[in-house]
């Protein structure tokens, strides 16, 4: 590979398909699902092999991290084949030959010339590429927990019924005990992508008595919630060590009016607005690092996308995500045969043109909008 550097750009020439290019995900990250599986990456991004590398109810995190499945997956980046990556769903893999789009996947030269990248788990490959077999000396530095489905809402985009897990069976205690073998290296922790931490009795106990000795290197936290239970009382119950870290509030909202919120979420819109104001106060008081808002759009709520963007600005959000409705098999829309009627983003939808007109009229697009980034996808 030849690199020529000009004043304002890096031009990468002759990037071959078999050139080693390393992805941050399998080298630095673990993602835990509700059934205790450790996923190699997002399930939809994996092809030609199962997405799970192992299960934390049967093996420790350390055993899974360097097992044959993980090593095989990492070698697909070391040999440049990307044979297990679905480039139709993973934009990072699809755009890996575009230097301006390489945030997750990097060439060897890029890693060698970047101190942060070089000092990560990539170093095991960089130090000995010829003998690298996919195993790593270091443990993962990023941990994504989506392991508890408990939630105070039953949003039809996600589920058909209310789910509150009975934690008396000890399932999550056993899962966490097996996870502890890798937590000491974790610098970034994200909870909980499967439900709402405030609705989970296990998480409430975990956060109140946060095991500081298990996370000595923790720096940053992604805190996912629907906001309805993020009250002042619940927030200050959380251990001070946890709250002292760089907290990114990741709030799923889906609506900006009481009528639509009742339809797509079912909770109390007034409580949500009160709690969002409290979270905004935490941001202004520098008790949290940033606010990110999430909206899953469909026929029932797409007309409120412009107002959602304005809500983000009012709350000084750094980043807002506007994603289309997905056909999750657990979704009430899928179970009840309503998905096609709600999937306004599909060109075959009878109201798709009206949807596009709405976006064009209000100038909705992907990119910076003042100080906030709008991540809009079709």
Protein backbone atom coordinates (compact mmCIF):
# COMPACT_ATOMS: atom_id res chain seq x y z
CA UNK A 1 0.00 0.00 0.00
CA UNK A 2 1.34 3.46 -0.92
CA UNK A 3 0.43 6.51 1.13
CA UNK A 4 1.00 10.04 -0.11
CA UNK A 5 0.26 12.82 2.37
CA UNK A 6 -0.74 16.29 1.24
CA UNK A 7 -1.44 19.27 3.48
CA UNK A 8 -5.10 18.52 4.04
CA UNK A 9 -5.69 14.88 3.21
CA UNK A 10 -4.31 11.38 3.27
CA UNK A 11 -4.58 9.60 -0.07
CA UNK A 12 -4.59 5.81 0.12
CA UNK A 13 -3.65 4.14 -3.13
CA UNK A 14 -3.80 0.51 -4.21
CA UNK A 15 -5.66 -0.94 -1.23
CA UNK A 16 -5.82 -4.65 -1.97
CA UNK A 17 -8.66 -6.93 -0.89
CA UNK A 18 -6.26 -9.12 1.05
CA UNK A 19 -4.47 -6.30 2.87
CA UNK A 20 -4.74 -6.63 6.67
CA UNK A 21 -7.28 -4.17 8.06
CA UNK A 22 -8.22 -4.47 11.72
CA UNK A 23 -11.62 -3.70 13.22
CA UNK A 24 -11.94 -2.28 16.74
CA UNK A 25 -14.96 -4.45 17.56
CA UNK A 26 -13.47 -7.99 17.83
CA UNK A 27 -10.18 -6.66 19.20
CA UNK A 28 -11.59 -4.44 21.93
CA UNK A 29 -15.28 -5.05 22.54
CA UNK A 30 -17.74 -7.52 24.05
CA UNK A 31 -21.50 -7.36 23.60
CA UNK A 32 -23.76 -9.39 25.91
CA UNK A 33 -27.34 -10.28 24.88
CA UNK A 34 -30.41 -11.09 27.06
CA UNK A 35 -29.82 -14.84 26.76
CA UNK A 36 -26.22 -14.35 28.00
CA UNK A 37 -24.61 -14.85 24.58
CA UNK A 38 -21.43 -12.94 23.80
CA UNK A 39 -21.84 -11.54 20.31
CA UNK A 40 -18.86 -10.99 18.03
CA UNK A 41 -20.58 -7.90 16.62
CA UNK A 42 -24.14 -6.82 15.85
CA UNK A 43 -25.93 -10.00 14.80
CA UNK A 44 -27.06 -8.54 11.46
CA UNK A 45 -23.44 -7.70 10.58
CA UNK A 46 -22.24 -11.33 10.68
CA UNK A 47 -22.44 -13.81 7.80
CA UNK A 48 -21.02 -17.30 7.21
CA UNK A 49 -20.77 -18.02 10.94
CA UNK A 50 -23.01 -17.77 14.04
CA UNK A 51 -22.85 -14.32 15.70
CA UNK A 52 -22.35 -15.76 19.19
CA UNK A 53 -18.88 -16.68 20.45
CA UNK A 54 -20.15 -18.32 23.62
CA UNK A 55 -22.53 -18.08 26.56
CA UNK A 56 -21.77 -16.50 29.93
CA UNK A 57 -23.99 -18.96 31.80
CA UNK A 58 -21.61 -21.74 30.73
CA UNK A 59 -18.18 -20.11 30.29
CA UNK A 60 -16.28 -17.19 31.77
CA UNK A 61 -15.72 -14.05 29.75
CA UNK A 62 -11.97 -14.74 29.70
CA UNK A 63 -12.51 -18.24 28.24
CA UNK A 64 -14.80 -16.89 25.52
CA UNK A 65 -12.60 -13.90 24.63
CA UNK A 66 -9.81 -16.06 23.22
CA UNK A 67 -11.73 -19.12 22.09
CA UNK A 68 -11.53 -20.55 18.57
CA UNK A 69 -14.59 -18.62 17.37
CA UNK A 70 -13.17 -15.24 18.38
CA UNK A 71 -9.76 -16.10 16.96
CA UNK A 72 -11.29 -17.18 13.66
CA UNK A 73 -13.27 -13.95 13.42
CA UNK A 74 -10.23 -11.78 14.17
CA UNK A 75 -8.17 -13.62 11.56
CA UNK A 76 -10.69 -12.58 8.88
CA UNK A 77 -9.43 -9.02 9.42
CA UNK A 78 -5.79 -10.00 9.74
CA UNK A 79 -5.94 -11.76 6.36
CA UNK A 80 -8.02 -8.98 4.83
CA UNK A 81 -10.79 -11.30 3.65
CA UNK A 82 -13.65 -9.85 5.75
CA UNK A 83 -15.36 -13.14 5.00
CA UNK A 84 -17.65 -12.96 8.03
CA UNK A 85 -18.72 -9.32 7.58
CA UNK A 86 -22.03 -8.40 5.99
CA UNK A 87 -21.15 -5.31 3.98
CA UNK A 88 -24.84 -4.74 3.23
CA UNK A 89 -25.57 -3.96 6.88
CA UNK A 90 -22.19 -2.85 8.27
CA UNK A 91 -21.25 0.54 6.85
CA UNK A 92 -17.78 0.34 8.41
CA UNK A 93 -16.96 -2.81 6.44
CA UNK A 94 -18.61 -1.49 3.28
CA UNK A 95 -16.59 1.76 3.38
CA UNK A 96 -13.30 0.34 4.61
CA UNK A 97 -11.44 1.45 1.46
CA UNK A 98 -12.50 5.08 1.98
CA UNK A 99 -9.97 6.76 4.34
CA UNK A 100 -12.47 9.47 5.36
CA UNK A 101 -14.93 6.80 6.57
CA UNK A 102 -12.49 4.66 8.56
CA UNK A 103 -13.49 5.11 12.19
CA UNK A 104 -13.80 1.44 13.18
CA UNK A 105 -11.53 -0.31 10.69
CA UNK A 106 -7.89 0.67 10.16
CA UNK A 107 -4.90 -0.23 8.04
CA UNK A 108 -1.66 -1.33 9.65
CA UNK A 109 -0.03 1.98 8.72
CA UNK A 110 -2.83 3.94 10.34
CA UNK A 111 -2.48 1.92 13.54
CA UNK A 112 1.32 2.27 13.62
CA UNK A 113 1.05 6.05 13.23
CA UNK A 114 -1.67 6.59 15.83
CA UNK A 115 -0.60 6.27 19.45
CA UNK A 116 -4.10 5.46 20.75
CA UNK A 117 -4.67 2.74 18.17
CA UNK A 118 -1.18 1.33 18.58
CA UNK A 119 -1.55 1.04 22.36
CA UNK A 120 -4.81 -0.92 22.08
CA UNK A 121 -5.24 -4.66 21.59
CA UNK A 122 -4.21 -4.12 17.96
CA UNK A 123 -0.65 -4.22 19.26
CA UNK A 124 -0.65 -8.02 19.44
CA UNK A 125 -0.99 -8.13 15.66
CA UNK A 126 1.33 -5.18 15.00
CA UNK A 127 4.14 -6.70 17.10
CA UNK A 128 4.08 -10.11 15.39
CA UNK A 129 1.86 -10.25 12.29
CA UNK A 130 3.43 -13.46 10.95
CA UNK A 131 2.72 -15.48 14.10
CA UNK A 132 -0.59 -13.83 15.04
CA UNK A 133 -3.28 -16.50 15.46
CA UNK A 134 -6.18 -14.31 16.58
CA UNK A 135 -5.57 -14.56 20.32
CA UNK A 136 -5.01 -11.46 22.44
CA UNK A 137 -3.05 -10.82 25.61
CA UNK A 138 -5.29 -7.94 26.66
CA UNK A 139 -8.93 -8.15 27.72
CA UNK A 140 -11.72 -6.09 26.08
CA UNK A 141 -11.81 -2.39 26.93
CA UNK A 142 -15.41 -1.82 25.84
CA UNK A 143 -18.34 -3.70 27.36
CA UNK A 144 -21.91 -3.45 26.06
CA UNK A 145 -24.53 -5.00 28.32
CA UNK A 146 -27.92 -5.73 26.78
CA UNK A 147 -28.65 -8.57 29.15
CA UNK A 148 -31.88 -7.64 30.95
CA UNK A 149 -35.16 -7.30 29.04
CA UNK A 150 -36.91 -5.74 32.05
CA UNK A 151 -38.67 -2.54 31.02
CA UNK A 152 -41.49 -0.34 32.24
CA UNK A 153 -42.81 0.04 28.68
CA UNK A 154 -44.06 -2.34 26.00
CA UNK A 155 -43.27 -0.33 22.89
CA UNK A 156 -44.73 -2.14 19.86
CA UNK A 157 -41.49 -1.56 17.94
CA UNK A 158 -39.68 -3.74 20.51
CA UNK A 159 -42.10 -6.15 22.22
CA UNK A 160 -45.70 -7.27 22.51
CA UNK A 161 -45.99 -7.41 26.29
CA UNK A 162 -44.51 -5.93 29.44
CA UNK A 163 -41.39 -7.82 30.55
CA UNK A 164 -40.04 -7.71 34.11
CA UNK A 165 -37.49 -10.43 34.74
CA UNK A 166 -37.69 -12.40 37.99
CA UNK A 167 -34.17 -12.01 39.34
CA UNK A 168 -34.68 -14.41 42.20
CA UNK A 169 -33.55 -17.26 39.92
CA UNK A 170 -29.99 -15.92 40.06
CA UNK A 171 -29.51 -15.90 36.28
CA UNK A 172 -27.99 -12.43 36.09
CA UNK A 173 -25.88 -13.04 39.19
CA UNK A 174 -24.32 -16.08 37.52
CA UNK A 175 -23.88 -14.19 34.25
CA UNK A 176 -22.13 -11.33 35.99
CA UNK A 177 -19.92 -13.66 38.01
CA UNK A 178 -18.63 -15.15 34.75
CA UNK A 179 -18.23 -11.66 33.30
CA UNK A 180 -16.04 -10.44 36.16
CA UNK A 181 -12.99 -12.19 34.67
CA UNK A 182 -12.75 -9.44 32.02
CA UNK A 183 -14.15 -6.30 33.67
CA UNK A 184 -10.90 -4.91 35.11
CA UNK A 185 -9.72 -3.77 31.67
CA UNK A 186 -13.03 -2.12 30.77
CA UNK A 187 -12.76 1.61 30.07
CA UNK A 188 -16.18 2.06 28.43
CA UNK A 189 -19.36 0.46 29.80
CA UNK A 190 -22.80 0.68 28.19
CA UNK A 191 -26.01 -0.46 29.92
CA UNK A 192 -28.66 -1.74 29.09
CA UNK A 193 -29.50 -2.10 25.43
CA UNK A 194 -32.26 -4.65 26.03
CA UNK A 195 -34.53 -2.89 28.54
CA UNK A 196 -34.39 -0.02 31.03
CA UNK A 197 -31.96 -0.08 33.94
CA UNK A 198 -34.37 1.77 36.22
CA UNK A 199 -37.04 -0.90 35.66
CA UNK A 200 -34.67 -3.73 36.60
CA UNK A 201 -34.35 -4.73 40.26
CA UNK A 202 -31.02 -6.40 39.44
CA UNK A 203 -29.60 -3.21 37.93
CA UNK A 204 -30.92 -1.08 40.79
CA UNK A 205 -29.00 -3.25 43.25
CA UNK A 206 -25.94 -3.34 40.97
CA UNK A 207 -25.85 0.44 40.52
CA UNK A 208 -26.53 1.29 44.17
CA UNK A 209 -23.72 -1.04 45.30
CA UNK A 210 -21.57 -0.61 42.20
CA UNK A 211 -18.56 -2.97 42.41
CA UNK A 212 -15.81 -0.39 42.05
CA UNK A 213 -13.09 -3.05 42.46
CA UNK A 214 -14.35 -4.79 39.31
CA UNK A 215 -13.97 -1.63 37.19
CA UNK A 216 -10.74 0.11 38.25
CA UNK A 217 -10.11 1.51 34.74
CA UNK A 218 -13.65 2.68 34.00
CA UNK A 219 -13.72 6.11 32.36
CA UNK A 220 -16.92 6.45 30.34
CA UNK A 221 -20.48 5.10 30.55
CA UNK A 222 -23.30 4.91 28.02
CA UNK A 223 -26.50 4.96 30.07
CA UNK A 224 -29.54 3.81 28.06
CA UNK A 225 -33.04 4.62 29.26
CA UNK A 226 -36.49 5.62 28.04
CA UNK A 227 -36.33 8.46 30.56
CA UNK A 228 -39.60 7.75 32.35
CA UNK A 229 -37.93 6.51 35.54
CA UNK A 230 -34.88 8.78 35.36
CA UNK A 231 -35.96 10.89 38.32
CA UNK A 232 -33.82 12.86 40.73
CA UNK A 233 -34.47 10.27 43.45
CA UNK A 234 -33.50 7.30 41.26
CA UNK A 235 -30.42 9.04 39.87
CA UNK A 236 -28.87 9.93 43.22
CA UNK A 237 -29.39 6.40 44.51
CA UNK A 238 -26.64 5.33 42.13
CA UNK A 239 -23.15 4.86 43.59
CA UNK A 240 -21.04 8.07 43.50
CA UNK A 241 -18.13 6.25 41.79
CA UNK A 242 -20.41 5.36 38.88
CA UNK A 243 -21.85 8.88 38.65
CA UNK A 244 -18.36 10.40 38.74
CA UNK A 245 -17.51 8.91 35.35
CA UNK A 246 -18.15 10.48 31.96
CA UNK A 247 -21.86 9.69 31.54
CA UNK A 248 -23.50 9.75 28.12
CA UNK A 249 -27.29 9.81 28.47
CA UNK A 250 -28.83 7.74 25.63
CA UNK A 251 -32.57 8.40 25.75
CA UNK A 252 -35.13 6.75 23.44
CA UNK A 253 -38.10 9.06 22.92
CA UNK A 254 -39.96 8.28 19.65
CA UNK A 255 -42.50 11.14 19.90
CA UNK A 256 -42.89 14.82 20.71
CA UNK A 257 -46.63 14.99 21.47
CA UNK A 258 -48.70 13.31 24.14
CA UNK A 259 -51.07 11.69 21.62
CA UNK A 260 -48.31 10.09 19.55
CA UNK A 261 -46.30 9.08 22.61
CA UNK A 262 -49.29 7.20 23.97
CA UNK A 263 -49.62 5.38 20.66
CA UNK A 264 -45.98 4.40 20.08
CA UNK A 265 -44.75 4.06 23.68
CA UNK A 266 -47.70 3.99 26.07
CA UNK A 267 -46.11 5.91 28.95
CA UNK A 268 -46.78 9.26 30.60
CA UNK A 269 -45.59 12.03 28.27
CA UNK A 270 -45.72 14.66 31.03
CA UNK A 271 -43.35 12.60 33.21
CA UNK A 272 -41.00 12.15 30.27
CA UNK A 273 -40.77 15.90 29.66
CA UNK A 274 -40.14 16.56 33.36
CA UNK A 275 -37.36 13.98 33.46
CA UNK A 276 -35.77 15.22 30.24
CA UNK A 277 -35.59 18.66 31.86
CA UNK A 278 -33.86 17.06 34.87
CA UNK A 279 -31.37 15.27 32.60
CA UNK A 280 -30.76 18.60 30.85
CA UNK A 281 -30.07 20.11 34.28
CA UNK A 282 -27.49 17.37 34.92
CA UNK A 283 -25.82 18.28 31.62
CA UNK A 284 -25.73 22.01 32.41
CA UNK A 285 -24.41 21.21 35.89
CA UNK A 286 -21.69 19.02 34.29
CA UNK A 287 -22.90 15.92 36.13
CA UNK A 288 -23.21 14.10 32.80
CA UNK A 289 -21.14 14.44 29.65
CA UNK A 290 -23.76 14.57 26.90
CA UNK A 291 -27.33 13.82 25.85
CA UNK A 292 -28.12 11.65 22.85
CA UNK A 293 -31.74 11.17 21.77
CA UNK A 294 -33.08 8.22 19.77
CA UNK A 295 -36.20 7.99 17.60
CA UNK A 296 -37.49 4.94 15.74
CA UNK A 297 -39.69 6.37 13.01
CA UNK A 298 -42.68 4.73 11.33
CA UNK A 299 -46.05 5.74 9.88
CA UNK A 300 -47.40 6.56 13.35
CA UNK A 301 -44.76 9.17 14.22
CA UNK A 302 -42.73 10.28 11.16
CA UNK A 303 -44.48 13.67 10.99
CA UNK A 304 -42.85 14.53 14.33
CA UNK A 305 -39.28 14.07 13.08
CA UNK A 306 -38.80 17.86 12.61
CA UNK A 307 -40.08 18.52 16.15
CA UNK A 308 -37.82 15.75 17.45
CA UNK A 309 -34.82 17.57 15.99
CA UNK A 310 -35.96 20.77 17.71
CA UNK A 311 -36.35 18.86 21.00
CA UNK A 312 -32.75 17.77 20.66
CA UNK A 313 -31.63 21.37 20.25
CA UNK A 314 -33.67 22.50 23.27
CA UNK A 315 -32.01 19.84 25.41
CA UNK A 316 -28.53 20.71 24.07
CA UNK A 317 -28.20 17.19 22.67
CA UNK A 318 -24.87 16.39 21.04
CA UNK A 319 -26.23 13.63 18.85
CA UNK A 320 -29.65 12.40 17.80
CA UNK A 321 -30.39 9.13 16.05
CA UNK A 322 -33.37 8.78 13.72
CA UNK A 323 -33.66 5.17 12.58
CA UNK A 324 -36.37 3.32 10.63
CA UNK A 325 -38.57 0.67 12.20
CA UNK A 326 -36.92 -2.77 12.15
CA UNK A 327 -38.71 -6.09 11.72
CA UNK A 328 -37.63 -7.60 15.04
CA UNK A 329 -39.39 -10.92 15.54
CA UNK A 330 -40.33 -9.89 19.11
CA UNK A 331 -41.96 -6.67 17.89
CA UNK A 332 -45.73 -6.36 18.33
CA UNK A 333 -45.89 -4.97 14.79
CA UNK A 334 -44.35 -8.17 13.42
CA UNK A 335 -46.31 -10.53 15.68
CA UNK A 336 -49.61 -8.86 14.83
CA UNK A 337 -48.90 -8.47 11.12
CA UNK A 338 -48.68 -4.65 11.22
CA UNK A 339 -45.07 -4.15 10.22
CA UNK A 340 -45.67 -3.48 6.53
CA UNK A 341 -48.33 -0.90 7.38
CA UNK A 342 -45.94 0.96 9.73
CA UNK A 343 -42.70 0.65 7.72
CA UNK A 344 -42.97 4.07 6.06
CA UNK A 345 -39.28 3.97 5.01
CA UNK A 346 -39.93 1.19 2.50
CA UNK A 347 -40.36 2.48 -1.08
CA UNK A 348 -43.32 0.10 -1.46
CA UNK A 349 -45.26 1.78 1.34
CA UNK A 350 -48.29 3.71 -0.05
CA UNK A 351 -47.33 6.82 1.97
CA UNK A 352 -43.61 6.70 1.24
CA UNK A 353 -43.73 9.70 -1.10
CA UNK A 354 -45.55 11.77 1.55
CA UNK A 355 -42.84 10.74 4.01
CA UNK A 356 -40.09 11.93 1.64
CA UNK A 357 -41.97 15.20 1.04
CA UNK A 358 -42.09 15.77 4.81
CA UNK A 359 -38.33 15.28 5.08
CA UNK A 360 -37.61 17.56 2.11
CA UNK A 361 -39.98 20.28 3.29
CA UNK A 362 -38.29 20.47 6.66
CA UNK A 363 -34.74 19.90 5.39
CA UNK A 364 -34.20 16.72 7.37
CA UNK A 365 -30.88 15.17 6.46
CA UNK A 366 -27.90 13.35 7.86
CA UNK A 367 -25.17 15.58 9.25
CA UNK A 368 -24.47 18.57 11.47
CA UNK A 369 -27.34 20.84 12.44
CA UNK A 370 -25.76 23.67 14.40
CA UNK A 371 -23.93 22.15 17.38
CA UNK A 372 -25.87 18.86 17.11
CA UNK A 373 -25.28 15.90 14.80
CA UNK A 374 -28.34 14.32 13.18
CA UNK A 375 -27.79 10.65 12.37
CA UNK A 376 -30.67 9.92 10.01
CA UNK A 377 -30.95 6.60 8.19
CA UNK A 378 -33.43 5.06 5.77
